């Protein structure tokens, strides 16, 4: 079965930061939606455990809470048909694993990328171009946004098995991990920071093969 690596949560372009705590636990702050809030979208104020980690002005903003792994039905959605960064997920099958990477901010050192969560695919709702009716997908951010705006734009939603979860501790993902995952293809330009280079390699969802796939599976499914 395949393993995919997906970059999620707020990044350097946002006013909020996903914190990394001293014990390596973390909070994953979702990106804001481009559209104003309308029900059934979620606002940051609907996620009180994340409110302290974003500006006060975000509290009434709609946020894209995806992946949603704390619900009874874990889900992750993406625009696999329209967005180039997600094209690889069109090949995903039940039993495949999506591993999530996020930019986390410690209090005492610069930000860095970390592995934070996993979703083992149970099934997928593909190319959603109209209201699908009630189902396991109801809580996903893409469905919420489409119901609020009427824009059913061929997104996909993946349902996770019971092994889908946030990791108990964030795991650093820096230069050594990037080179192990991507091998000889990695280049580290002198004019870019390590964080910028890791971000460039992980901006698009990647299918991981070989030793990198084995390493990710060992971390997430142990």
Foldseek 3Di string as FASTA:
>chain_A
DWEKEAEFADDPVAQFFWAQEPVQATGGHFAFDPDADDPPFDAVLVVVVCVVRHDPVRRRTGGQPAQDQPDPKTKGKDQCPPDPLNVVCVPDDQQYKYWYKYWHCYPPDGIAIWTWWMFHFHDKDWQFQADPPDDSCCPHNLNGVCVGPVGSGGMMMTIGDPLTDTDRGTGTCWDVLVCQFVPPVQDDDPVDDRRVSVCVVRNGIDITDDPNRVVVCVVRVD
